[in-house]
mmCIF file of all heavy atoms, coordinates in Angstrom:
data_MODEL
# 
_entry.id   MODEL 
# 
loop_
_atom_site.group_PDB 
_atom_site.id 
_atom_site.type_symbol 
_atom_site.label_atom_id 
_atom_site.label_alt_id 
_atom_site.label_comp_id 
_atom_site.label_asym_id 
_atom_site.label_entity_id 
_atom_site.label_seq_id 
_atom_site.pdbx_PDB_ins_code 
_atom_site.Cartn_x 
_atom_site.Cartn_y 
_atom_site.Cartn_z 
_atom_site.occupancy 
_atom_site.B_iso_or_equiv 
_atom_site.pdbx_formal_charge 
_atom_site.auth_seq_id 
_atom_site.auth_comp_id 
_atom_site.auth_asym_id 
_atom_site.auth_atom_id 
_atom_site.pdbx_PDB_model_num 
ATOM 1   N N   . ASN A 1 1  ? 12.621  20.765 12.123 1.00 0.00 ? 1  ASN A N   1 
ATOM 2   C CA  . ASN A 1 1  ? 12.081  20.100 13.309 1.00 0.00 ? 1  ASN A CA  1 
ATOM 3   C C   . ASN A 1 1  ? 10.611  20.441 13.512 1.00 0.00 ? 1  ASN A C   1 
ATOM 4   O O   . ASN A 1 1  ? 9.798   19.573 13.872 1.00 0.00 ? 1  ASN A O   1 
ATOM 5   C CB  . ASN A 1 1  ? 12.886  20.503 14.546 1.00 0.00 ? 1  ASN A CB  1 
ATOM 6   C CG  . ASN A 1 1  ? 14.291  19.924 14.522 1.00 0.00 ? 1  ASN A CG  1 
ATOM 7   O OD1 . ASN A 1 1  ? 14.551  18.899 13.888 1.00 0.00 ? 1  ASN A OD1 1 
ATOM 8   N ND2 . ASN A 1 1  ? 15.217  20.583 15.218 1.00 0.00 ? 1  ASN A ND2 1 
ATOM 9   N N   . SER A 1 2  ? 10.271  21.708 13.274 1.00 0.00 ? 2  SER A N   1 
ATOM 10  C CA  . SER A 1 2  ? 8.868   22.088 13.432 1.00 0.00 ? 2  SER A CA  1 
ATOM 11  C C   . SER A 1 2  ? 7.996   21.404 12.380 1.00 0.00 ? 2  SER A C   1 
ATOM 12  O O   . SER A 1 2  ? 6.867   20.975 12.678 1.00 0.00 ? 2  SER A O   1 
ATOM 13  C CB  . SER A 1 2  ? 8.732   23.607 13.327 1.00 0.00 ? 2  SER A CB  1 
ATOM 14  O OG  . SER A 1 2  ? 9.143   24.058 12.053 1.00 0.00 ? 2  SER A OG  1 
ATOM 15  N N   . GLN A 1 3  ? 8.519   21.283 11.157 1.00 0.00 ? 3  GLN A N   1 
ATOM 16  C CA  . GLN A 1 3  ? 7.761   20.568 10.126 1.00 0.00 ? 3  GLN A CA  1 
ATOM 17  C C   . GLN A 1 3  ? 7.583   19.094 10.494 1.00 0.00 ? 3  GLN A C   1 
ATOM 18  O O   . GLN A 1 3  ? 6.510   18.514 10.290 1.00 0.00 ? 3  GLN A O   1 
ATOM 19  C CB  . GLN A 1 3  ? 8.472   20.692 8.777  1.00 0.00 ? 3  GLN A CB  1 
ATOM 20  C CG  . GLN A 1 3  ? 8.328   22.055 8.108  1.00 0.00 ? 3  GLN A CG  1 
ATOM 21  C CD  . GLN A 1 3  ? 8.964   22.078 6.744  1.00 0.00 ? 3  GLN A CD  1 
ATOM 22  O OE1 . GLN A 1 3  ? 9.802   21.240 6.436  1.00 0.00 ? 3  GLN A OE1 1 
ATOM 23  N NE2 . GLN A 1 3  ? 8.579   23.055 5.934  1.00 0.00 ? 3  GLN A NE2 1 
ATOM 24  N N   . ARG A 1 4  ? 8.641   18.496 11.037 1.00 0.00 ? 4  ARG A N   1 
ATOM 25  C CA  . ARG A 1 4  ? 8.546   17.087 11.437 1.00 0.00 ? 4  ARG A CA  1 
ATOM 26  C C   . ARG A 1 4  ? 7.530   16.913 12.557 1.00 0.00 ? 4  ARG A C   1 
ATOM 27  O O   . ARG A 1 4  ? 6.731   15.975 12.549 1.00 0.00 ? 4  ARG A O   1 
ATOM 28  C CB  . ARG A 1 4  ? 9.923   16.586 11.881 1.00 0.00 ? 4  ARG A CB  1 
ATOM 29  C CG  . ARG A 1 4  ? 9.960   15.076 12.121 1.00 0.00 ? 4  ARG A CG  1 
ATOM 30  C CD  . ARG A 1 4  ? 11.323  14.621 12.620 1.00 0.00 ? 4  ARG A CD  1 
ATOM 31  N NE  . ARG A 1 4  ? 12.372  14.958 11.675 1.00 0.00 ? 4  ARG A NE  1 
ATOM 32  C CZ  . ARG A 1 4  ? 13.294  15.901 11.874 1.00 0.00 ? 4  ARG A CZ  1 
ATOM 33  N NH1 . ARG A 1 4  ? 13.269  16.616 13.008 1.00 0.00 ? 4  ARG A NH1 1 
ATOM 34  N NH2 . ARG A 1 4  ? 14.205  16.148 10.974 1.00 0.00 ? 4  ARG A NH2 1 
ATOM 35  N N   . ASN A 1 5  ? 7.541   17.824 13.538 1.00 0.00 ? 5  ASN A N   1 
ATOM 36  C CA  . ASN A 1 5  ? 6.577   17.737 14.638 1.00 0.00 ? 5  ASN A CA  1 
ATOM 37  C C   . ASN A 1 5  ? 5.147   17.958 14.146 1.00 0.00 ? 5  ASN A C   1 
ATOM 38  O O   . ASN A 1 5  ? 4.214   17.277 14.592 1.00 0.00 ? 5  ASN A O   1 
ATOM 39  C CB  . ASN A 1 5  ? 6.916   18.779 15.699 1.00 0.00 ? 5  ASN A CB  1 
ATOM 40  C CG  . ASN A 1 5  ? 8.237   18.492 16.393 1.00 0.00 ? 5  ASN A CG  1 
ATOM 41  O OD1 . ASN A 1 5  ? 8.651   17.327 16.474 1.00 0.00 ? 5  ASN A OD1 1 
ATOM 42  N ND2 . ASN A 1 5  ? 8.898   19.530 16.872 1.00 0.00 ? 5  ASN A ND2 1 
ATOM 43  N N   . ARG A 1 6  ? 4.973   18.883 13.202 1.00 0.00 ? 6  ARG A N   1 
ATOM 44  C CA  . ARG A 1 6  ? 3.649   19.127 12.663 1.00 0.00 ? 6  ARG A CA  1 
ATOM 45  C C   . ARG A 1 6  ? 3.140   17.915 11.885 1.00 0.00 ? 6  ARG A C   1 
ATOM 46  O O   . ARG A 1 6  ? 1.954   17.558 11.954 1.00 0.00 ? 6  ARG A O   1 
ATOM 47  C CB  . ARG A 1 6  ? 3.683   20.366 11.759 1.00 0.00 ? 6  ARG A CB  1 
ATOM 48  C CG  . ARG A 1 6  ? 2.290   20.869 11.368 1.00 0.00 ? 6  ARG A CG  1 
ATOM 49  C CD  . ARG A 1 6  ? 2.365   22.112 10.497 1.00 0.00 ? 6  ARG A CD  1 
ATOM 50  N NE  . ARG A 1 6  ? 3.017   23.207 11.178 1.00 0.00 ? 6  ARG A NE  1 
ATOM 51  C CZ  . ARG A 1 6  ? 4.235   23.665 10.866 1.00 0.00 ? 6  ARG A CZ  1 
ATOM 52  N NH1 . ARG A 1 6  ? 4.917   23.102 9.876  1.00 0.00 ? 6  ARG A NH1 1 
ATOM 53  N NH2 . ARG A 1 6  ? 4.763   24.659 11.528 1.00 0.00 ? 6  ARG A NH2 1 
ATOM 54  N N   . LEU A 1 7  ? 4.044   17.260 11.146 1.00 0.00 ? 7  LEU A N   1 
ATOM 55  C CA  . LEU A 1 7  ? 3.654   16.067 10.406 1.00 0.00 ? 7  LEU A CA  1 
ATOM 56  C C   . LEU A 1 7  ? 3.261   14.933 11.354 1.00 0.00 ? 7  LEU A C   1 
ATOM 57  O O   . LEU A 1 7  ? 2.269   14.216 11.114 1.00 0.00 ? 7  LEU A O   1 
ATOM 58  C CB  . LEU A 1 7  ? 4.798   15.634 9.494  1.00 0.00 ? 7  LEU A CB  1 
ATOM 59  C CG  . LEU A 1 7  ? 4.536   14.422 8.598  1.00 0.00 ? 7  LEU A CG  1 
ATOM 60  C CD1 . LEU A 1 7  ? 3.361   14.703 7.649  1.00 0.00 ? 7  LEU A CD1 1 
ATOM 61  C CD2 . LEU A 1 7  ? 5.784   14.055 7.808  1.00 0.00 ? 7  LEU A CD2 1 
ATOM 62  N N   . GLN A 1 8  ? 4.017   14.778 12.436 1.00 0.00 ? 8  GLN A N   1 
ATOM 63  C CA  . GLN A 1 8  ? 3.674   13.757 13.413 1.00 0.00 ? 8  GLN A CA  1 
ATOM 64  C C   . GLN A 1 8  ? 2.324   14.044 14.069 1.00 0.00 ? 8  GLN A C   1 
ATOM 65  O O   . GLN A 1 8  ? 1.510   13.122 14.285 1.00 0.00 ? 8  GLN A O   1 
ATOM 66  C CB  . GLN A 1 8  ? 4.771   13.671 14.476 1.00 0.00 ? 8  GLN A CB  1 
ATOM 67  C CG  . GLN A 1 8  ? 6.098   13.093 13.960 1.00 0.00 ? 8  GLN A CG  1 
ATOM 68  C CD  . GLN A 1 8  ? 7.159   13.070 15.034 1.00 0.00 ? 8  GLN A CD  1 
ATOM 69  O OE1 . GLN A 1 8  ? 6.942   13.554 16.141 1.00 0.00 ? 8  GLN A OE1 1 
ATOM 70  N NE2 . GLN A 1 8  ? 8.325   12.501 14.711 1.00 0.00 ? 8  GLN A NE2 1 
ATOM 71  N N   . GLN A 1 9  ? 2.083   15.313 14.376 1.00 0.00 ? 9  GLN A N   1 
ATOM 72  C CA  . GLN A 1 9  ? 0.799   15.660 14.970 1.00 0.00 ? 9  GLN A CA  1 
ATOM 73  C C   . GLN A 1 9  ? -0.355  15.388 14.005 1.00 0.00 ? 9  GLN A C   1 
ATOM 74  O O   . GLN A 1 9  ? -1.421  14.896 14.406 1.00 0.00 ? 9  GLN A O   1 
ATOM 75  C CB  . GLN A 1 9  ? 0.807   17.135 15.383 1.00 0.00 ? 9  GLN A CB  1 
ATOM 76  C CG  . GLN A 1 9  ? 1.740   17.450 16.548 1.00 0.00 ? 9  GLN A CG  1 
ATOM 77  C CD  . GLN A 1 9  ? 1.785   18.928 16.868 1.00 0.00 ? 9  GLN A CD  1 
ATOM 78  O OE1 . GLN A 1 9  ? 1.131   19.731 16.193 1.00 0.00 ? 9  GLN A OE1 1 
ATOM 79  N NE2 . GLN A 1 9  ? 2.539   19.295 17.902 1.00 0.00 ? 9  GLN A NE2 1 
ATOM 80  N N   . ASN A 1 10 ? -0.140  15.697 12.740 1.00 0.00 ? 10 ASN A N   1 
ATOM 81  C CA  . ASN A 1 10 ? -1.177  15.416 11.746 1.00 0.00 ? 10 ASN A CA  1 
ATOM 82  C C   . ASN A 1 10 ? -1.432  13.913 11.609 1.00 0.00 ? 10 ASN A C   1 
ATOM 83  O O   . ASN A 1 10 ? -2.578  13.464 11.468 1.00 0.00 ? 10 ASN A O   1 
ATOM 84  C CB  . ASN A 1 10 ? -0.782  16.003 10.396 1.00 0.00 ? 10 ASN A CB  1 
ATOM 85  C CG  . ASN A 1 10 ? -0.781  17.526 10.405 1.00 0.00 ? 10 ASN A CG  1 
ATOM 86  O OD1 . ASN A 1 10 ? -1.472  18.151 11.215 1.00 0.00 ? 10 ASN A OD1 1 
ATOM 87  N ND2 . ASN A 1 10 ? -0.006  18.130 9.517  1.00 0.00 ? 10 ASN A ND2 1 
ATOM 88  N N   . ASN A 1 11 ? -0.340  13.130 11.645 1.00 0.00 ? 11 ASN A N   1 
ATOM 89  C CA  . ASN A 1 11 ? -0.506  11.670 11.570 1.00 0.00 ? 11 ASN A CA  1 
ATOM 90  C C   . ASN A 1 11 ? -1.270  11.130 12.765 1.00 0.00 ? 11 ASN A C   1 
ATOM 91  O O   . ASN A 1 11 ? -2.143  10.253 12.624 1.00 0.00 ? 11 ASN A O   1 
ATOM 92  C CB  . ASN A 1 11 ? 0.854   10.996 11.456 1.00 0.00 ? 11 ASN A CB  1 
ATOM 93  C CG  . ASN A 1 11 ? 1.543   11.296 10.128 1.00 0.00 ? 11 ASN A CG  1 
ATOM 94  O OD1 . ASN A 1 11 ? 0.864   11.574 9.131  1.00 0.00 ? 11 ASN A OD1 1 
ATOM 95  N ND2 . ASN A 1 11 ? 2.864   11.220 10.103 1.00 0.00 ? 11 ASN A ND2 1 
ATOM 96  N N   . HIS A 1 12 ? -0.943  11.640 13.964 1.00 0.00 ? 12 HIS A N   1 
ATOM 97  C CA  . HIS A 1 12 ? -1.661  11.207 15.166 1.00 0.00 ? 12 HIS A CA  1 
ATOM 98  C C   . HIS A 1 12 ? -3.139  11.592 15.081 1.00 0.00 ? 12 HIS A C   1 
ATOM 99  O O   . HIS A 1 12 ? -4.016  10.792 15.459 1.00 0.00 ? 12 HIS A O   1 
ATOM 100 C CB  . HIS A 1 12 ? -1.026  11.826 16.413 1.00 0.00 ? 12 HIS A CB  1 
ATOM 101 C CG  . HIS A 1 12 ? 0.305   11.216 16.768 1.00 0.00 ? 12 HIS A CG  1 
ATOM 102 N ND1 . HIS A 1 12 ? 0.485   9.852  16.915 1.00 0.00 ? 12 HIS A ND1 1 
ATOM 103 C CD2 . HIS A 1 12 ? 1.510   11.796 17.011 1.00 0.00 ? 12 HIS A CD2 1 
ATOM 104 C CE1 . HIS A 1 12 ? 1.749   9.599  17.226 1.00 0.00 ? 12 HIS A CE1 1 
ATOM 105 N NE2 . HIS A 1 12 ? 2.392   10.764 17.293 1.00 0.00 ? 12 HIS A NE2 1 
ATOM 106 N N   . ALA A 1 13 ? -3.390  12.780 14.584 1.00 0.00 ? 13 ALA A N   1 
ATOM 107 C CA  . ALA A 1 13 ? -4.787  13.213 14.465 1.00 0.00 ? 13 ALA A CA  1 
ATOM 108 C C   . ALA A 1 13 ? -5.543  12.357 13.458 1.00 0.00 ? 13 ALA A C   1 
ATOM 109 O O   . ALA A 1 13 ? -6.703  11.954 13.694 1.00 0.00 ? 13 ALA A O   1 
ATOM 110 C CB  . ALA A 1 13 ? -4.831  14.690 14.064 1.00 0.00 ? 13 ALA A CB  1 
ATOM 111 N N   . LEU A 1 14 ? -4.880  12.065 12.337 1.00 0.00 ? 14 LEU A N   1 
ATOM 112 C CA  . LEU A 1 14 ? -5.525  11.215 11.333 1.00 0.00 ? 14 LEU A CA  1 
ATOM 113 C C   . LEU A 1 14 ? -5.767  9.816  11.872 1.00 0.00 ? 14 LEU A C   1 
ATOM 114 O O   . LEU A 1 14 ? -6.835  9.217  11.651 1.00 0.00 ? 14 LEU A O   1 
ATOM 115 C CB  . LEU A 1 14 ? -4.654  11.178 10.074 1.00 0.00 ? 14 LEU A CB  1 
ATOM 116 C CG  . LEU A 1 14 ? -5.182  10.337 8.907  1.00 0.00 ? 14 LEU A CG  1 
ATOM 117 C CD1 . LEU A 1 14 ? -6.526  10.891 8.416  1.00 0.00 ? 14 LEU A CD1 1 
ATOM 118 C CD2 . LEU A 1 14 ? -4.173  10.309 7.772  1.00 0.00 ? 14 LEU A CD2 1 
ATOM 119 N N   . PHE A 1 15 ? -4.781  9.250  12.589 1.00 0.00 ? 15 PHE A N   1 
ATOM 120 C CA  . PHE A 1 15 ? -4.947  7.914  13.169 1.00 0.00 ? 15 PHE A CA  1 
ATOM 121 C C   . PHE A 1 15 ? -6.094  7.906  14.177 1.00 0.00 ? 15 PHE A C   1 
ATOM 122 O O   . PHE A 1 15 ? -6.884  6.953  14.231 1.00 0.00 ? 15 PHE A O   1 
ATOM 123 C CB  . PHE A 1 15 ? -3.637  7.489  13.832 1.00 0.00 ? 15 PHE A CB  1 
ATOM 124 C CG  . PHE A 1 15 ? -3.718  6.178  14.531 1.00 0.00 ? 15 PHE A CG  1 
ATOM 125 C CD1 . PHE A 1 15 ? -3.680  4.981  13.805 1.00 0.00 ? 15 PHE A CD1 1 
ATOM 126 C CD2 . PHE A 1 15 ? -3.867  6.108  15.919 1.00 0.00 ? 15 PHE A CD2 1 
ATOM 127 C CE1 . PHE A 1 15 ? -3.771  3.761  14.460 1.00 0.00 ? 15 PHE A CE1 1 
ATOM 128 C CE2 . PHE A 1 15 ? -3.958  4.903  16.558 1.00 0.00 ? 15 PHE A CE2 1 
ATOM 129 C CZ  . PHE A 1 15 ? -3.901  3.716  15.837 1.00 0.00 ? 15 PHE A CZ  1 
ATOM 130 N N   . SER A 1 16 ? -6.207  8.964  14.972 1.00 0.00 ? 16 SER A N   1 
ATOM 131 C CA  . SER A 1 16 ? -7.293  9.031  15.967 1.00 0.00 ? 16 SER A CA  1 
ATOM 132 C C   . SER A 1 16 ? -8.652  9.084  15.289 1.00 0.00 ? 16 SER A C   1 
ATOM 133 O O   . SER A 1 16 ? -9.609  8.410  15.712 1.00 0.00 ? 16 SER A O   1 
ATOM 134 C CB  . SER A 1 16 ? -7.098  10.260 16.863 1.00 0.00 ? 16 SER A CB  1 
ATOM 135 O OG  . SER A 1 16 ? -5.852  10.193 17.544 1.00 0.00 ? 16 SER A OG  1 
ATOM 136 N N   . ARG A 1 17 ? -8.740  9.866  14.221 1.00 0.00 ? 17 ARG A N   1 
ATOM 137 C CA  . ARG A 1 17 ? -10.014 9.971  13.514 1.00 0.00 ? 17 ARG A CA  1 
ATOM 138 C C   . ARG A 1 17 ? -10.391 8.639  12.868 1.00 0.00 ? 17 ARG A C   1 
ATOM 139 O O   . ARG A 1 17 ? -11.559 8.216  12.910 1.00 0.00 ? 17 ARG A O   1 
ATOM 140 C CB  . ARG A 1 17 ? -9.929  11.061 12.450 1.00 0.00 ? 17 ARG A CB  1 
ATOM 141 C CG  . ARG A 1 17 ? -9.824  12.473 13.033 1.00 0.00 ? 17 ARG A CG  1 
ATOM 142 C CD  . ARG A 1 17 ? -9.624  13.504 11.950 1.00 0.00 ? 17 ARG A CD  1 
ATOM 143 N NE  . ARG A 1 17 ? -9.483  14.840 12.526 1.00 0.00 ? 17 ARG A NE  1 
ATOM 144 C CZ  . ARG A 1 17 ? -9.211  15.919 11.809 1.00 0.00 ? 17 ARG A CZ  1 
ATOM 145 N NH1 . ARG A 1 17 ? -9.063  15.806 10.488 1.00 0.00 ? 17 ARG A NH1 1 
ATOM 146 N NH2 . ARG A 1 17 ? -9.102  17.085 12.402 1.00 0.00 ? 17 ARG A NH2 1 
ATOM 147 N N   . VAL A 1 18 ? -9.411  7.961  12.253 1.00 0.00 ? 18 VAL A N   1 
ATOM 148 C CA  . VAL A 1 18 ? -9.694  6.652  11.635 1.00 0.00 ? 18 VAL A CA  1 
ATOM 149 C C   . VAL A 1 18 ? -10.106 5.640  12.684 1.00 0.00 ? 18 VAL A C   1 
ATOM 150 O O   . VAL A 1 18 ? -11.034 4.838  12.486 1.00 0.00 ? 18 VAL A O   1 
ATOM 151 C CB  . VAL A 1 18 ? -8.471  6.172  10.847 1.00 0.00 ? 18 VAL A CB  1 
ATOM 152 C CG1 . VAL A 1 18 ? -8.660  4.727  10.369 1.00 0.00 ? 18 VAL A CG1 1 
ATOM 153 C CG2 . VAL A 1 18 ? -8.213  7.092  9.660  1.00 0.00 ? 18 VAL A CG2 1 
ATOM 154 N N   . PHE A 1 19 ? -9.417  5.687  13.848 1.00 0.00 ? 19 PHE A N   1 
ATOM 155 C CA  . PHE A 1 19 ? -9.744  4.741  14.920 1.00 0.00 ? 19 PHE A CA  1 
ATOM 156 C C   . PHE A 1 19 ? -11.163 4.987  15.436 1.00 0.00 ? 19 PHE A C   1 
ATOM 157 O O   . PHE A 1 19 ? -11.933 4.033  15.631 1.00 0.00 ? 19 PHE A O   1 
ATOM 158 C CB  . PHE A 1 19 ? -8.733  4.882  16.050 1.00 0.00 ? 19 PHE A CB  1 
ATOM 159 C CG  . PHE A 1 19 ? -8.987  3.981  17.209 1.00 0.00 ? 19 PHE A CG  1 
ATOM 160 C CD1 . PHE A 1 19 ? -8.681  2.616  17.131 1.00 0.00 ? 19 PHE A CD1 1 
ATOM 161 C CD2 . PHE A 1 19 ? -9.550  4.478  18.383 1.00 0.00 ? 19 PHE A CD2 1 
ATOM 162 C CE1 . PHE A 1 19 ? -8.943  1.783  18.205 1.00 0.00 ? 19 PHE A CE1 1 
ATOM 163 C CE2 . PHE A 1 19 ? -9.808  3.634  19.450 1.00 0.00 ? 19 PHE A CE2 1 
ATOM 164 C CZ  . PHE A 1 19 ? -9.491  2.287  19.368 1.00 0.00 ? 19 PHE A CZ  1 
ATOM 165 N N   . VAL A 1 20 ? -11.513 6.241  15.646 1.00 0.00 ? 20 VAL A N   1 
ATOM 166 C CA  . VAL A 1 20 ? -12.860 6.546  16.130 1.00 0.00 ? 20 VAL A CA  1 
ATOM 167 C C   . VAL A 1 20 ? -13.898 6.155  15.086 1.00 0.00 ? 20 VAL A C   1 
ATOM 168 O O   . VAL A 1 20 ? -14.971 5.596  15.418 1.00 0.00 ? 20 VAL A O   1 
ATOM 169 C CB  . VAL A 1 20 ? -12.963 8.042  16.484 1.00 0.00 ? 20 VAL A CB  1 
ATOM 170 C CG1 . VAL A 1 20 ? -14.419 8.433  16.782 1.00 0.00 ? 20 VAL A CG1 1 
ATOM 171 C CG2 . VAL A 1 20 ? -12.070 8.363  17.660 1.00 0.00 ? 20 VAL A CG2 1 
ATOM 172 N N   . PHE A 1 21 ? -13.606 6.420  13.810 1.00 0.00 ? 21 PHE A N   1 
ATOM 173 C CA  . PHE A 1 21 ? -14.549 6.067  12.746 1.00 0.00 ? 21 PHE A CA  1 
ATOM 174 C C   . PHE A 1 21 ? -14.750 4.555  12.688 1.00 0.00 ? 21 PHE A C   1 
ATOM 175 O O   . PHE A 1 21 ? -15.880 4.069  12.529 1.00 0.00 ? 21 PHE A O   1 
ATOM 176 C CB  . PHE A 1 21 ? -14.015 6.597  11.409 1.00 0.00 ? 21 PHE A CB  1 
ATOM 177 C CG  . PHE A 1 21 ? -14.933 6.331  10.257 1.00 0.00 ? 21 PHE A CG  1 
ATOM 178 C CD1 . PHE A 1 21 ? -16.097 7.058  10.082 1.00 0.00 ? 21 PHE A CD1 1 
ATOM 179 C CD2 . PHE A 1 21 ? -14.632 5.317  9.352  1.00 0.00 ? 21 PHE A CD2 1 
ATOM 180 C CE1 . PHE A 1 21 ? -16.948 6.798  9.012  1.00 0.00 ? 21 PHE A CE1 1 
ATOM 181 C CE2 . PHE A 1 21 ? -15.476 5.055  8.290  1.00 0.00 ? 21 PHE A CE2 1 
ATOM 182 C CZ  . PHE A 1 21 ? -16.644 5.801  8.110  1.00 0.00 ? 21 PHE A CZ  1 
ATOM 183 N N   . ASN A 1 22 ? -13.671 3.785  12.818 1.00 0.00 ? 22 ASN A N   1 
ATOM 184 C CA  . ASN A 1 22 ? -13.782 2.323  12.821 1.00 0.00 ? 22 ASN A CA  1 
ATOM 185 C C   . ASN A 1 22 ? -14.594 1.835  14.015 1.00 0.00 ? 22 ASN A C   1 
ATOM 186 O O   . ASN A 1 22 ? -15.395 0.883  13.900 1.00 0.00 ? 22 ASN A O   1 
ATOM 187 C CB  . ASN A 1 22 ? -12.398 1.683  12.831 1.00 0.00 ? 22 ASN A CB  1 
ATOM 188 C CG  . ASN A 1 22 ? -11.674 1.864  11.505 1.00 0.00 ? 22 ASN A CG  1 
ATOM 189 O OD1 . ASN A 1 22 ? -12.329 1.972  10.453 1.00 0.00 ? 22 ASN A OD1 1 
ATOM 190 N ND2 . ASN A 1 22 ? -10.360 1.858  11.529 1.00 0.00 ? 22 ASN A ND2 1 
ATOM 191 N N   . CYS A 1 23 ? -14.374 2.455  15.159 1.00 0.00 ? 23 CYS A N   1 
ATOM 192 C CA  . CYS A 1 23 ? -15.158 2.056  16.337 1.00 0.00 ? 23 CYS A CA  1 
ATOM 193 C C   . CYS A 1 23 ? -16.647 2.315  16.123 1.00 0.00 ? 23 CYS A C   1 
ATOM 194 O O   . CYS A 1 23 ? -17.504 1.499  16.500 1.00 0.00 ? 23 CYS A O   1 
ATOM 195 C CB  . CYS A 1 23 ? -14.654 2.815  17.575 1.00 0.00 ? 23 CYS A CB  1 
ATOM 196 S SG  . CYS A 1 23 ? -12.991 2.313  18.104 1.00 0.00 ? 23 CYS A SG  1 
ATOM 197 N N   . ILE A 1 24 ? -16.953 3.455  15.531 1.00 0.00 ? 24 ILE A N   1 
ATOM 198 C CA  . ILE A 1 24 ? -18.360 3.776  15.267 1.00 0.00 ? 24 ILE A CA  1 
ATOM 199 C C   . ILE A 1 24 ? -18.967 2.786  14.279 1.00 0.00 ? 24 ILE A C   1 
ATOM 200 O O   . ILE A 1 24 ? -20.103 2.306  14.457 1.00 0.00 ? 24 ILE A O   1 
ATOM 201 C CB  . ILE A 1 24 ? -18.485 5.214  14.747 1.00 0.00 ? 24 ILE A CB  1 
ATOM 202 C CG1 . ILE A 1 24 ? -18.085 6.214  15.841 1.00 0.00 ? 24 ILE A CG1 1 
ATOM 203 C CG2 . ILE A 1 24 ? -19.892 5.506  14.261 1.00 0.00 ? 24 ILE A CG2 1 
ATOM 204 C CD1 . ILE A 1 24 ? -18.027 7.645  15.381 1.00 0.00 ? 24 ILE A CD1 1 
ATOM 205 N N   . ILE A 1 25 ? -18.235 2.435  13.231 1.00 0.00 ? 25 ILE A N   1 
ATOM 206 C CA  . ILE A 1 25 ? -18.733 1.478  12.234 1.00 0.00 ? 25 ILE A CA  1 
ATOM 207 C C   . ILE A 1 25 ? -18.947 0.120  12.879 1.00 0.00 ? 25 ILE A C   1 
ATOM 208 O O   . ILE A 1 25 ? -19.967 -0.562 12.634 1.00 0.00 ? 25 ILE A O   1 
ATOM 209 C CB  . ILE A 1 25 ? -17.760 1.382  11.044 1.00 0.00 ? 25 ILE A CB  1 
ATOM 210 C CG1 . ILE A 1 25 ? -17.718 2.723  10.278 1.00 0.00 ? 25 ILE A CG1 1 
ATOM 211 C CG2 . ILE A 1 25 ? -18.143 0.259  10.097 1.00 0.00 ? 25 ILE A CG2 1 
ATOM 212 C CD1 . ILE A 1 25 ? -19.033 3.121  9.653  1.00 0.00 ? 25 ILE A CD1 1 
ATOM 213 N N   . ASN A 1 26 ? -18.003 -0.342 13.696 1.00 0.00 ? 26 ASN A N   1 
ATOM 214 C CA  . ASN A 1 26 ? -18.132 -1.654 14.359 1.00 0.00 ? 26 ASN A CA  1 
ATOM 215 C C   . ASN A 1 26 ? -19.318 -1.655 15.311 1.00 0.00 ? 26 ASN A C   1 
ATOM 216 O O   . ASN A 1 26 ? -20.068 -2.644 15.389 1.00 0.00 ? 26 ASN A O   1 
ATOM 217 C CB  . ASN A 1 26 ? -16.846 -1.996 15.115 1.00 0.00 ? 26 ASN A CB  1 
ATOM 218 C CG  . ASN A 1 26 ? -15.679 -2.241 14.174 1.00 0.00 ? 26 ASN A CG  1 
ATOM 219 O OD1 . ASN A 1 26 ? -15.893 -2.680 13.020 1.00 0.00 ? 26 ASN A OD1 1 
ATOM 220 N ND2 . ASN A 1 26 ? -14.462 -1.997 14.640 1.00 0.00 ? 26 ASN A ND2 1 
ATOM 221 N N   . GLU A 1 27 ? -19.514 -0.583 16.037 1.00 0.00 ? 27 GLU A N   1 
ATOM 222 C CA  . GLU A 1 27 ? -20.640 -0.508 16.967 1.00 0.00 ? 27 GLU A CA  1 
ATOM 223 C C   . GLU A 1 27 ? -21.974 -0.522 16.186 1.00 0.00 ? 27 GLU A C   1 
ATOM 224 O O   . GLU A 1 27 ? -22.950 -1.161 16.599 1.00 0.00 ? 27 GLU A O   1 
ATOM 225 C CB  . GLU A 1 27 ? -20.528 0.775  17.798 1.00 0.00 ? 27 GLU A CB  1 
ATOM 226 C CG  . GLU A 1 27 ? -21.624 0.920  18.833 1.00 0.00 ? 27 GLU A CG  1 
ATOM 227 C CD  . GLU A 1 27 ? -21.507 -0.127 19.926 1.00 0.00 ? 27 GLU A CD  1 
ATOM 228 O OE1 . GLU A 1 27 ? -20.389 -0.689 20.110 1.00 0.00 ? 27 GLU A OE1 1 
ATOM 229 O OE2 . GLU A 1 27 ? -22.522 -0.369 20.600 1.00 0.00 ? 27 GLU A OE2 1 
# 
């Protein structure tokens, strides 16, 4: 369960970074 939660947190962090990077590129 802890591994699953850590993987989900990493995915959320990666998605946030990609989203912010895309916003910066579009701007």
